[in-house]
Amino acid sequence: MAVNMAELLALLRGPNRASSSSTPPPGQGPTTEPTPWIPPTQAPENMEAPPPPTLHTSMAHPVTGPYPPPPAPTAVRT
């Protein structure tokens, strides 16, 4: 797989070998814009934009597990 990727990168970095017959000469033929211009959507001035949705809300969750909590430590007298 690494060899195939190396060959592909070598082909992409190599000189452009497209023949002049396969690509039209510059300045001829119809030119179309790849992304047509679309006017931006604007809200009226008196409207406020809604706040973005919250993806994560922080909440305190109690820790629960299958085992009971350990006994409380006691003072050791020596």
Protein backbone atom coordinates (compact mmCIF):
# COMPACT_ATOMS: atom_id res chain seq x y z
CA MET A 1 0.00 0.00 0.00
CA ALA A 2 2.85 2.38 0.84
CA VAL A 3 4.44 1.67 -2.54
CA ASN A 4 1.19 2.53 -4.31
CA MET A 5 0.92 5.79 -2.37
CA ALA A 6 4.53 6.67 -3.22
CA GLU A 7 3.88 6.00 -6.91
CA LEU A 8 0.70 8.08 -6.82
CA LEU A 9 2.50 11.00 -5.17
CA ALA A 10 5.32 10.74 -7.70
CA LEU A 11 2.79 10.92 -10.53
CA LEU A 12 1.06 13.91 -8.97
CA ARG A 13 4.34 15.76 -8.42
CA GLY A 14 5.70 14.94 -11.86
CA PRO A 15 5.44 17.26 -14.88
CA ASN A 16 2.05 17.73 -16.48
CA ARG A 17 1.98 15.30 -19.38
CA ALA A 18 -1.48 16.11 -20.69
CA SER A 19 -1.41 16.52 -24.43
CA SER A 20 -2.50 19.81 -25.90
CA SER A 21 -5.27 18.03 -27.81
CA SER A 22 -6.96 16.85 -24.62
CA THR A 23 -7.19 20.32 -23.07
CA PRO A 24 -8.78 23.21 -24.93
CA PRO A 25 -6.56 26.20 -25.61
CA PRO A 26 -7.09 29.12 -23.23
CA GLY A 27 -9.59 31.74 -24.27
CA GLN A 28 -11.84 29.48 -26.30
CA GLY A 29 -15.07 27.76 -25.45
CA PRO A 30 -17.77 28.70 -22.97
CA THR A 31 -16.56 29.69 -19.54
CA THR A 32 -18.77 28.75 -16.65
CA GLU A 33 -18.23 29.78 -13.08
CA PRO A 34 -17.65 26.65 -10.98
CA THR A 35 -19.66 28.04 -8.05
CA PRO A 36 -22.41 30.43 -9.06
CA TRP A 37 -22.75 33.50 -6.85
CA ILE A 38 -25.60 33.33 -4.39
CA PRO A 39 -26.53 36.47 -2.48
CA PRO A 40 -26.08 36.10 1.29
CA THR A 41 -29.19 35.66 3.37
CA GLN A 42 -29.68 38.60 5.69
CA ALA A 43 -31.96 38.92 8.69
CA PRO A 44 -33.89 42.14 9.28
CA GLU A 45 -32.08 44.63 11.50
CA ASN A 46 -34.61 44.37 14.33
CA MET A 47 -34.14 40.60 14.78
CA GLU A 48 -31.50 39.00 16.98
CA ALA A 49 -29.79 35.84 15.88
CA PRO A 50 -30.71 32.85 18.04
CA PRO A 51 -27.93 31.50 20.25
CA PRO A 52 -26.09 28.47 18.89
CA PRO A 53 -27.31 25.11 20.17
CA THR A 54 -25.58 23.75 23.26
CA LEU A 55 -23.78 20.52 22.52
CA HIS A 56 -22.87 19.66 26.10
CA THR A 57 -24.35 20.75 29.38
CA SER A 58 -22.34 20.17 32.50
CA MET A 59 -24.31 18.44 35.22
CA ALA A 60 -23.33 16.78 38.47
CA HIS A 61 -24.00 13.06 38.33
CA PRO A 62 -23.69 10.83 41.39
CA VAL A 63 -21.10 8.12 41.05
CA THR A 64 -22.75 4.76 41.23
CA GLY A 65 -21.10 1.41 40.94
CA PRO A 66 -21.72 -2.27 41.59
CA TYR A 67 -19.74 -2.22 44.88
CA PRO A 68 -20.59 -0.52 48.18
CA PRO A 69 -18.30 2.32 49.30
CA PRO A 70 -15.28 1.34 51.43
CA PRO A 71 -15.52 1.76 55.19
CA ALA A 72 -14.52 5.12 56.62
CA PRO A 73 -10.93 5.30 57.88
CA THR A 74 -10.43 5.14 61.63
CA ALA A 75 -7.70 6.73 63.71
CA VAL A 76 -4.88 4.38 64.65
CA ARG A 77 -3.40 4.90 68.16
CA THR A 78 0.09 3.77 68.93
